Amino acid sequence: MLNENIKRLRTANNLTQVELAADLGVSKQCVSNWENDYIQPSIEMLIKIAKYFKVSTDFLLDLNDKTQINVDGLNDKEIAHIRLIVDDLLNKK
């Protein structure tokens, strides 16, 4: 699942393997190998990937399917607005 989660996050953020690799300081081949499940990222790289996509390592490893949104720096009104948007999207399903 780690390989699928990395690919899903990359594509959801409209990134190519080359772009993600450059941002993480690895080769495009390295990202390709992760996504094709040929190799696993190191623990240090797993943490870096989680921070990059603003998700938990548990989420990446499929131990927790809850996505978190960092709202640091937003005021209460802005956070409430985000909650309304999320609720609206969930109710459409």
PDB file of N, CA and C in Angstrom:
ATOM      1  N   MET A   1       0.806  -1.212   0.000  1.00  0.00           N
ATOM      2  CA  MET A   1       0.000   0.000   0.000  1.00  0.00           C
ATOM      3  C   MET A   1       0.846   1.272   0.000  1.00  0.00           C
ATOM      4  N   LEU A   2       2.031   1.231   0.598  1.00  0.00           N
ATOM      5  CA  LEU A   2       2.885   2.415   0.615  1.00  0.00           C
ATOM      6  C   LEU A   2       3.134   2.906  -0.797  1.00  0.00           C
ATOM      7  N   ASN A   3       3.459   1.985  -1.705  1.00  0.00           N
ATOM      8  CA  ASN A   3       3.722   2.389  -3.082  1.00  0.00           C
ATOM      9  C   ASN A   3       2.502   3.068  -3.706  1.00  0.00           C
ATOM     10  N   GLU A   4       1.325   2.530  -3.463  1.00  0.00           N
ATOM     11  CA  GLU A   4       0.099   3.109  -4.021  1.00  0.00           C
ATOM     12  C   GLU A   4      -0.199   4.467  -3.402  1.00  0.00           C
ATOM     13  N   ASN A   5       0.046   4.601  -2.106  1.00  0.00           N
ATOM     14  CA  ASN A   5      -0.215   5.876  -1.436  1.00  0.00           C
ATOM     15  C   ASN A   5       0.718   6.972  -1.926  1.00  0.00           C
ATOM     16  N   ILE A   6       1.980   6.639  -2.150  1.00  0.00           N
ATOM     17  CA  ILE A   6       2.918   7.642  -2.682  1.00  0.00           C
ATOM     18  C   ILE A   6       2.456   8.085  -4.067  1.00  0.00           C
ATOM     19  N   LYS A   7       2.118   7.130  -4.903  1.00  0.00           N
ATOM     20  CA  LYS A   7       1.679   7.474  -6.264  1.00  0.00           C
ATOM     21  C   LYS A   7       0.383   8.288  -6.241  1.00  0.00           C
ATOM     22  N   ARG A   8      -0.542   7.875  -5.395  1.00  0.00           N
ATOM     23  CA  ARG A   8      -1.827   8.585  -5.318  1.00  0.00           C
ATOM     24  C   ARG A   8      -1.626  10.034  -4.864  1.00  0.00           C
ATOM     25  N   LEU A   9      -0.784  10.236  -3.850  1.00  0.00           N
ATOM     26  CA  LEU A   9      -0.515  11.593  -3.371  1.00  0.00           C
ATOM     27  C   LEU A   9       0.206  12.414  -4.434  1.00  0.00           C
ATOM     28  N   ARG A  10       1.155  11.789  -5.121  1.00  0.00           N
ATOM     29  CA  ARG A  10       1.893  12.503  -6.173  1.00  0.00           C
ATOM     30  C   ARG A  10       0.954  12.953  -7.284  1.00  0.00           C
ATOM     31  N   THR A  11       0.123  12.041  -7.768  1.00  0.00           N
ATOM     32  CA  THR A  11      -0.769  12.393  -8.872  1.00  0.00           C
ATOM     33  C   THR A  11      -1.864  13.368  -8.430  1.00  0.00           C
ATOM     34  N   ALA A  12      -2.332  13.232  -7.194  1.00  0.00           N
ATOM     35  CA  ALA A  12      -3.348  14.162  -6.689  1.00  0.00           C
ATOM     36  C   ALA A  12      -2.804  15.577  -6.587  1.00  0.00           C
ATOM     37  N   ASN A  13      -1.488  15.693  -6.434  1.00  0.00           N
ATOM     38  CA  ASN A  13      -0.851  17.008  -6.359  1.00  0.00           C
ATOM     39  C   ASN A  13      -0.278  17.441  -7.701  1.00  0.00           C
ATOM     40  N   ASN A  14      -0.686  16.744  -8.755  1.00  0.00           N
ATOM     41  CA  ASN A  14      -0.265  17.069 -10.124  1.00  0.00           C
ATOM     42  C   ASN A  14       1.246  17.159 -10.271  1.00  0.00           C
ATOM     43  N   LEU A  15       1.935  16.208  -9.663  1.00  0.00           N
ATOM     44  CA  LEU A  15       3.392  16.170  -9.748  1.00  0.00           C
ATOM     45  C   LEU A  15       3.831  15.002 -10.621  1.00  0.00           C
ATOM     46  N   THR A  16       4.880  15.211 -11.395  1.00  0.00           N
ATOM     47  CA  THR A  16       5.499  14.108 -12.114  1.00  0.00           C
ATOM     48  C   THR A  16       6.482  13.429 -11.167  1.00  0.00           C
ATOM     49  N   GLN A  17       6.933  12.264 -11.551  1.00  0.00           N
ATOM     50  CA  GLN A  17       7.954  11.596 -10.747  1.00  0.00           C
ATOM     51  C   GLN A  17       9.225  12.444 -10.692  1.00  0.00           C
ATOM     52  N   VAL A  18       9.539  13.100 -11.782  1.00  0.00           N
ATOM     53  CA  VAL A  18      10.726  13.961 -11.836  1.00  0.00           C
ATOM     54  C   VAL A  18      10.598  15.120 -10.851  1.00  0.00           C
ATOM     55  N   GLU A  19       9.433  15.749 -10.813  1.00  0.00           N
ATOM     56  CA  GLU A  19       9.216  16.881  -9.905  1.00  0.00           C
ATOM     57  C   GLU A  19       9.289  16.443  -8.447  1.00  0.00           C
ATOM     58  N   LEU A  20       8.631  15.328  -8.118  1.00  0.00           N
ATOM     59  CA  LEU A  20       8.666  14.844  -6.744  1.00  0.00           C
ATOM     60  C   LEU A  20      10.090  14.478  -6.352  1.00  0.00           C
ATOM     61  N   ALA A  21      10.789  13.811  -7.238  1.00  0.00           N
ATOM     62  CA  ALA A  21      12.172  13.420  -6.964  1.00  0.00           C
ATOM     63  C   ALA A  21      13.035  14.649  -6.674  1.00  0.00           C
ATOM     64  N   ALA A  22      12.891  15.682  -7.481  1.00  0.00           N
ATOM     65  CA  ALA A  22      13.678  16.904  -7.282  1.00  0.00           C
ATOM     66  C   ALA A  22      13.346  17.543  -5.937  1.00  0.00           C
ATOM     67  N   ASP A  23      12.071  17.584  -5.594  1.00  0.00           N
ATOM     68  CA  ASP A  23      11.651  18.193  -4.330  1.00  0.00           C
ATOM     69  C   ASP A  23      12.162  17.413  -3.117  1.00  0.00           C
ATOM     70  N   LEU A  24      12.280  16.089  -3.268  1.00  0.00           N
ATOM     71  CA  LEU A  24      12.735  15.249  -2.154  1.00  0.00           C
ATOM     72  C   LEU A  24      14.245  15.018  -2.163  1.00  0.00           C
ATOM     73  N   GLY A  25      14.903  15.431  -3.251  1.00  0.00           N
ATOM     74  CA  GLY A  25      16.354  15.265  -3.341  1.00  0.00           C
ATOM     75  C   GLY A  25      16.785  13.846  -3.670  1.00  0.00           C
ATOM     76  N   VAL A  26      15.958  13.150  -4.461  1.00  0.00           N
ATOM     77  CA  VAL A  26      16.286  11.798  -4.902  1.00  0.00           C
ATOM     78  C   VAL A  26      16.159  11.743  -6.423  1.00  0.00           C
ATOM     79  N   SER A  27      16.503  10.608  -7.007  1.00  0.00           N
ATOM     80  CA  SER A  27      16.390  10.456  -8.456  1.00  0.00           C
ATOM     81  C   SER A  27      14.960  10.080  -8.848  1.00  0.00           C
ATOM     82  N   LYS A  28      14.644  10.321 -10.099  1.00  0.00           N
ATOM     83  CA  LYS A  28      13.341   9.922 -10.642  1.00  0.00           C
ATOM     84  C   LYS A  28      13.194   8.406 -10.548  1.00  0.00           C
ATOM     85  N   GLN A  29      14.293   7.691 -10.755  1.00  0.00           N
ATOM     86  CA  GLN A  29      14.280   6.229 -10.672  1.00  0.00           C
ATOM     87  C   GLN A  29      13.907   5.760  -9.269  1.00  0.00           C
ATOM     88  N   CYS A  30      14.346   6.505  -8.278  1.00  0.00           N
ATOM     89  CA  CYS A  30      14.028   6.165  -6.894  1.00  0.00           C
ATOM     90  C   CYS A  30      12.515   6.251  -6.666  1.00  0.00           C
ATOM     91  N   VAL A  31      11.905   7.334  -7.111  1.00  0.00           N
ATOM     92  CA  VAL A  31      10.447   7.485  -6.979  1.00  0.00           C
ATOM     93  C   VAL A  31       9.734   6.381  -7.756  1.00  0.00           C
ATOM     94  N   SER A  32      10.201   6.100  -8.944  1.00  0.00           N
ATOM     95  CA  SER A  32       9.613   5.037  -9.758  1.00  0.00           C
ATOM     96  C   SER A  32       9.701   3.693  -9.034  1.00  0.00           C
ATOM     97  N   ASN A  33      10.849   3.419  -8.428  1.00  0.00           N
ATOM     98  CA  ASN A  33      11.015   2.161  -7.693  1.00  0.00           C
ATOM     99  C   ASN A  33      10.082   2.070  -6.494  1.00  0.00           C
ATOM    100  N   TRP A  34       9.866   3.185  -5.808  1.00  0.00           N
ATOM    101  CA  TRP A  34       8.914   3.185  -4.686  1.00  0.00           C
ATOM    102  C   TRP A  34       7.516   2.857  -5.196  1.00  0.00           C
ATOM    103  N   GLU A  35       7.118   3.568  -6.257  1.00  0.00           N
ATOM    104  CA  GLU A  35       5.755   3.415  -6.765  1.00  0.00           C
ATOM    105  C   GLU A  35       5.503   2.035  -7.366  1.00  0.00           C
ATOM    106  N   ASN A  36       6.532   1.408  -7.895  1.00  0.00           N
ATOM    107  CA  ASN A  36       6.389   0.069  -8.467  1.00  0.00           C
ATOM    108  C   ASN A  36       6.669  -1.025  -7.445  1.00  0.00           C
ATOM    109  N   ASP A  37       6.897  -0.606  -6.200  1.00  0.00           N
ATOM    110  CA  ASP A  37       7.102  -1.522  -5.076  1.00  0.00           C
ATOM    111  C   ASP A  37       8.341  -2.405  -5.246  1.00  0.00           C
ATOM    112  N   TYR A  38       9.371  -1.836  -5.907  1.00  0.00           N
ATOM    113  CA  TYR A  38      10.637  -2.551  -6.034  1.00  0.00           C
ATOM    114  C   TYR A  38      11.511  -2.333  -4.804  1.00  0.00           C
ATOM    115  N   ILE A  39      11.434  -1.131  -4.240  1.00  0.00           N
ATOM    116  CA  ILE A  39      12.170  -0.815  -3.018  1.00  0.00           C
ATOM    117  C   ILE A  39      11.276   0.027  -2.112  1.00  0.00           C
ATOM    118  N   GLN A  40      11.628   0.090  -0.851  1.00  0.00           N
ATOM    119  CA  GLN A  40      10.903   0.904   0.122  1.00  0.00           C
ATOM    120  C   GLN A  40      11.777   2.108   0.485  1.00  0.00           C
ATOM    121  N   PRO A  41      11.174   3.258   0.722  1.00  0.00           N
ATOM    122  CA  PRO A  41      11.979   4.394   1.195  1.00  0.00           C
ATOM    123  C   PRO A  41      12.513   4.110   2.600  1.00  0.00           C
ATOM    124  N   SER A  42      13.649   4.703   2.914  1.00  0.00           N
ATOM    125  CA  SER A  42      14.200   4.574   4.265  1.00  0.00           C
ATOM    126  C   SER A  42      13.247   5.238   5.256  1.00  0.00           C
ATOM    127  N   ILE A  43      13.456   4.972   6.522  1.00  0.00           N
ATOM    128  CA  ILE A  43      12.629   5.595   7.558  1.00  0.00           C
ATOM    129  C   ILE A  43      12.737   7.118   7.466  1.00  0.00           C
ATOM    130  N   GLU A  44      13.952   7.602   7.278  1.00  0.00           N
ATOM    131  CA  GLU A  44      14.159   9.049   7.172  1.00  0.00           C
ATOM    132  C   GLU A  44      13.405   9.622   5.973  1.00  0.00           C
ATOM    133  N   MET A  45      13.443   8.894   4.846  1.00  0.00           N
ATOM    134  CA  MET A  45      12.752   9.367   3.645  1.00  0.00           C
ATOM    135  C   MET A  45      11.245   9.245   3.817  1.00  0.00           C
ATOM    136  N   LEU A  46      10.787   8.226   4.507  1.00  0.00           N
ATOM    137  CA  LEU A  46       9.355   8.080   4.774  1.00  0.00           C
ATOM    138  C   LEU A  46       8.841   9.300   5.534  1.00  0.00           C
ATOM    139  N   ILE A  47       9.592   9.733   6.518  1.00  0.00           N
ATOM    140  CA  ILE A  47       9.218  10.925   7.288  1.00  0.00           C
ATOM    141  C   ILE A  47       9.227  12.157   6.391  1.00  0.00           C
ATOM    142  N   LYS A  48      10.229  12.255   5.535  1.00  0.00           N
ATOM    143  CA  LYS A  48      10.324  13.395   4.614  1.00  0.00           C
ATOM    144  C   LYS A  48       9.140  13.420   3.644  1.00  0.00           C
ATOM    145  N   ILE A  49       8.748  12.255   3.148  1.00  0.00           N
ATOM    146  CA  ILE A  49       7.593  12.163   2.242  1.00  0.00           C
ATOM    147  C   ILE A  49       6.318  12.577   2.971  1.00  0.00           C
ATOM    148  N   ALA A  50       6.160  12.101   4.201  1.00  0.00           N
ATOM    149  CA  ALA A  50       4.975  12.452   4.996  1.00  0.00           C
ATOM    150  C   ALA A  50       4.905  13.957   5.221  1.00  0.00           C
ATOM    151  N   LYS A  51       6.013  14.560   5.583  1.00  0.00           N
ATOM    152  CA  LYS A  51       6.032  16.010   5.799  1.00  0.00           C
ATOM    153  C   LYS A  51       5.759  16.755   4.499  1.00  0.00           C
ATOM    154  N   TYR A  52       6.311  16.273   3.410  1.00  0.00           N
ATOM    155  CA  TYR A  52       6.130  16.915   2.106  1.00  0.00           C
ATOM    156  C   TYR A  52       4.648  16.965   1.726  1.00  0.00           C
ATOM    157  N   PHE A  53       3.963  15.852   1.901  1.00  0.00           N
ATOM    158  CA  PHE A  53       2.544  15.778   1.529  1.00  0.00           C
ATOM    159  C   PHE A  53       1.603  16.162   2.671  1.00  0.00           C
ATOM    160  N   LYS A  54       2.193  16.491   3.839  1.00  0.00           N
ATOM    161  CA  LYS A  54       1.412  16.908   5.012  1.00  0.00           C
ATOM    162  C   LYS A  54       0.420  15.819   5.434  1.00  0.00           C
ATOM    163  N   VAL A  55       0.935  14.589   5.503  1.00  0.00           N
ATOM    164  CA  VAL A  55       0.170  13.456   5.999  1.00  0.00           C
ATOM    165  C   VAL A  55       1.017  12.765   7.068  1.00  0.00           C
ATOM    166  N   SER A  56       0.419  11.849   7.793  1.00  0.00           N
ATOM    167  CA  SER A  56       1.173  11.112   8.803  1.00  0.00           C
ATOM    168  C   SER A  56       1.865   9.910   8.159  1.00  0.00           C
ATOM    169  N   THR A  57       2.887   9.419   8.817  1.00  0.00           N
ATOM    170  CA  THR A  57       3.524   8.187   8.334  1.00  0.00           C
ATOM    171  C   THR A  57       2.541   7.024   8.441  1.00  0.00           C
ATOM    172  N   ASP A  58       1.677   7.054   9.439  1.00  0.00           N
ATOM    173  CA  ASP A  58       0.637   6.022   9.553  1.00  0.00           C
ATOM    174  C   ASP A  58      -0.257   6.021   8.314  1.00  0.00           C
ATOM    175  N   PHE A  59      -0.585   7.200   7.825  1.00  0.00           N
ATOM    176  CA  PHE A  59      -1.401   7.299   6.617  1.00  0.00           C
ATOM    177  C   PHE A  59      -0.661   6.690   5.430  1.00  0.00           C
ATOM    178  N   LEU A  60       0.621   7.040   5.274  1.00  0.00           N
ATOM    179  CA  LEU A  60       1.410   6.495   4.170  1.00  0.00           C
ATOM    180  C   LEU A  60       1.493   4.975   4.231  1.00  0.00           C
ATOM    181  N   LEU A  61       1.637   4.450   5.439  1.00  0.00           N
ATOM    182  CA  LEU A  61       1.791   3.006   5.626  1.00  0.00           C
ATOM    183  C   LEU A  61       0.455   2.277   5.695  1.00  0.00           C
ATOM    184  N   ASP A  62      -0.622   3.015   5.521  1.00  0.00           N
ATOM    185  CA  ASP A  62      -1.982   2.471   5.525  1.00  0.00           C
ATOM    186  C   ASP A  62      -2.368   1.896   6.890  1.00  0.00           C
ATOM    187  N   LEU A  63      -1.824   2.477   7.939  1.00  0.00           N
ATOM    188  CA  LEU A  63      -2.186   2.079   9.288  1.00  0.00           C
ATOM    189  C   LEU A  63      -3.337   2.917   9.816  1.00  0.00           C
ATOM    190  N   ASN A  64      -3.562   4.050   9.161  1.00  0.00           N
ATOM    191  CA  ASN A  64      -4.623   4.971   9.542  1.00  0.00           C
ATOM    192  C   ASN A  64      -5.089   5.632   8.263  1.00  0.00           C
ATOM    193  N   ASP A  65      -6.369   5.515   7.956  1.00  0.00           N
ATOM    194  CA  ASP A  65      -6.862   6.060   6.696  1.00  0.00           C
ATOM    195  C   ASP A  65      -7.424   7.473   6.827  1.00  0.00           C
ATOM    196  N   LYS A  66      -7.163   8.107   7.961  1.00  0.00           N
ATOM    197  CA  LYS A  66      -7.663   9.461   8.149  1.00  0.00           C
ATOM    198  C   LYS A  66      -6.634  10.466   7.645  1.00  0.00           C
ATOM    199  N   THR A  67      -7.098  11.367   6.829  1.00  0.00           N
ATOM    200  CA  THR A  67      -6.241  12.425   6.325  1.00  0.00           C
ATOM    201  C   THR A  67      -6.348  13.622   7.247  1.00  0.00           C
ATOM    202  N   GLN A  68      -5.223  14.248   7.502  1.00  0.00           N
ATOM    203  CA  GLN A  68      -5.210  15.429   8.353  1.00  0.00           C
ATOM    204  C   GLN A  68      -4.929  16.660   7.509  1.00  0.00           C
ATOM    205  N   ILE A  69      -5.522  17.756   7.912  1.00  0.00           N
ATOM    206  CA  ILE A  69      -5.275  19.030   7.249  1.00  0.00           C
ATOM    207  C   ILE A  69      -4.674  19.972   8.277  1.00  0.00           C
ATOM    208  N   ASN A  70      -3.524  20.526   7.946  1.00  0.00           N
ATOM    209  CA  ASN A  70      -2.858  21.455   8.843  1.00  0.00           C
ATOM    210  C   ASN A  70      -3.537  22.821   8.727  1.00  0.00           C
ATOM    211  N   VAL A  71      -4.105  23.295   9.828  1.00  0.00           N
ATOM    212  CA  VAL A  71      -4.785  24.591   9.828  1.00  0.00           C
ATOM    213  C   VAL A  71      -4.047  25.620  10.686  1.00  0.00           C
ATOM    214  N   ASP A  72      -2.785  25.306  10.993  1.00  0.00           N
ATOM    215  CA  ASP A  72      -1.977  26.259  11.765  1.00  0.00           C
ATOM    216  C   ASP A  72      -1.957  27.615  11.062  1.00  0.00           C
ATOM    217  N   GLY A  73      -2.139  28.650  11.820  1.00  0.00           N
ATOM    218  CA  GLY A  73      -2.098  30.000  11.272  1.00  0.00           C
ATOM    219  C   GLY A  73      -3.436  30.523  10.776  1.00  0.00           C
ATOM    220  N   LEU A  74      -4.453  29.659  10.761  1.00  0.00           N
ATOM    221  CA  LEU A  74      -5.784  30.103  10.348  1.00  0.00           C
ATOM    222  C   LEU A  74      -6.579  30.500  11.581  1.00  0.00           C
ATOM    223  N   ASN A  75      -7.469  31.448  11.394  1.00  0.00           N
ATOM    224  CA  ASN A  75      -8.305  31.847  12.529  1.00  0.00           C
ATOM    225  C   ASN A  75      -9.527  30.931  12.625  1.00  0.00           C
ATOM    226  N   ASP A  76     -10.295  31.079  13.689  1.00  0.00           N
ATOM    227  CA  ASP A  76     -11.453  30.203  13.927  1.00  0.00           C
ATOM    228  C   ASP A  76     -12.468  30.260  12.797  1.00  0.00           C
ATOM    229  N   LYS A  77     -12.683  31.431  12.242  1.00  0.00           N
ATOM    230  CA  LYS A  77     -13.650  31.587  11.152  1.00  0.00           C
ATOM    231  C   LYS A  77     -13.181  30.825   9.904  1.00  0.00           C
ATOM    232  N   GLU A  78     -11.896  30.902   9.606  1.00  0.00           N
ATOM    233  CA  GLU A  78     -11.359  30.200   8.447  1.00  0.00           C
ATOM    234  C   GLU A  78     -11.424  28.680   8.641  1.00  0.00           C
ATOM    235  N   ILE A  79     -11.142  28.218   9.850  1.00  0.00           N
ATOM    236  CA  ILE A  79     -11.223  26.786  10.153  1.00  0.00           C
ATOM    237  C   ILE A  79     -12.661  26.296  10.031  1.00  0.00           C
ATOM    238  N   ALA A  80     -13.602  27.080  10.512  1.00  0.00           N
ATOM    239  CA  ALA A  80     -15.015  26.720  10.398  1.00  0.00           C
ATOM    240  C   ALA A  80     -15.429  26.628   8.929  1.00  0.00           C
ATOM    241  N   HIS A  81     -14.913  27.525   8.111  1.00  0.00           N
ATOM    242  CA  HIS A  81     -15.220  27.515   6.684  1.00  0.00           C
ATOM    243  C   HIS A  81     -14.689  26.228   6.034  1.00  0.00           C
ATOM    244  N   ILE A  82     -13.495  25.830   6.398  1.00  0.00           N
ATOM    245  CA  ILE A  82     -12.922  24.588   5.866  1.00  0.00           C
ATOM    246  C   ILE A  82     -13.771  23.391   6.285  1.00  0.00           C
ATOM    247  N   ARG A  83     -14.226  23.381   7.530  1.00  0.00           N
ATOM    248  CA  ARG A  83     -15.085  22.285   8.003  1.00  0.00           C
ATOM    249  C   ARG A  83     -16.375  22.204   7.177  1.00  0.00           C
ATOM    250  N   LEU A  84     -16.954  23.358   6.867  1.00  0.00           N
ATOM    251  CA  LEU A  84     -18.171  23.371   6.049  1.00  0.00           C
ATOM    252  C   LEU A  84     -17.912  22.804   4.658  1.00  0.00           C
ATOM    253  N   ILE A  85     -16.790  23.163   4.071  1.00  0.00           N
ATOM    254  CA  ILE A  85     -16.447  22.644   2.737  1.00  0.00           C
ATOM    255  C   ILE A  85     -16.296  21.132   2.792  1.00  0.00           C
ATOM    256  N   VAL A  86     -15.579  20.626   3.800  1.00  0.00           N
ATOM    257  CA  VAL A  86     -15.385  19.183   3.939  1.00  0.00           C
ATOM    258  C   VAL A  86     -16.724  18.490   4.130  1.00  0.00           C
ATOM    259  N   ASP A  87     -17.566  19.039   4.995  1.00  0.00           N
ATOM    260  CA  ASP A  87     -18.891  18.443   5.220  1.00  0.00           C
ATOM    261  C   ASP A  87     -19.704  18.404   3.923  1.00  0.00           C
ATOM    262  N   ASP A  88     -19.678  19.499   3.164  1.00  0.00           N
ATOM    263  CA  ASP A  88     -20.406  19.534   1.889  1.00  0.00           C
ATOM    264  C   ASP A  88     -19.894  18.453   0.939  1.00  0.00           C
ATOM    265  N   LEU A  89     -18.586  18.294   0.855  1.00  0.00           N
ATOM    266  CA  LEU A  89     -18.016  17.272  -0.034  1.00  0.00           C
ATOM    267  C   LEU A  89     -18.385  15.867   0.423  1.00  0.00           C
ATOM    268  N   LEU A  90     -18.363  15.634   1.721  1.00  0.00           N
ATOM    269  CA  LEU A  90     -18.729  14.308   2.237  1.00  0.00           C
ATOM    270  C   LEU A  90     -20.201  14.002   2.005  1.00  0.00           C
ATOM    271  N   ASN A  91     -21.047  15.005   2.076  1.00  0.00           N
ATOM    272  CA  ASN A  91     -22.483  14.803   1.890  1.00  0.00           C
ATOM    273  C   ASN A  91     -22.849  14.554   0.430  1.00  0.00           C
ATOM    274  N   LYS A  92     -21.955  14.890  -0.503  1.00  0.00           N
ATOM    275  CA  LYS A  92     -22.216  14.654  -1.924  1.00  0.00           C
ATOM    276  C   LYS A  92     -22.045  13.182  -2.295  1.00  0.00           C
ATOM    277  N   LYS A  93     -21.361  12.425  -1.424  1.00  0.00           N
ATOM    278  CA  LYS A  93     -21.078  11.014  -1.750  1.00  0.00           C
ATOM    279  C   LYS A  93     -22.252  10.159  -1.502  1.00  0.00           C
TER     280      LYS A  93
END
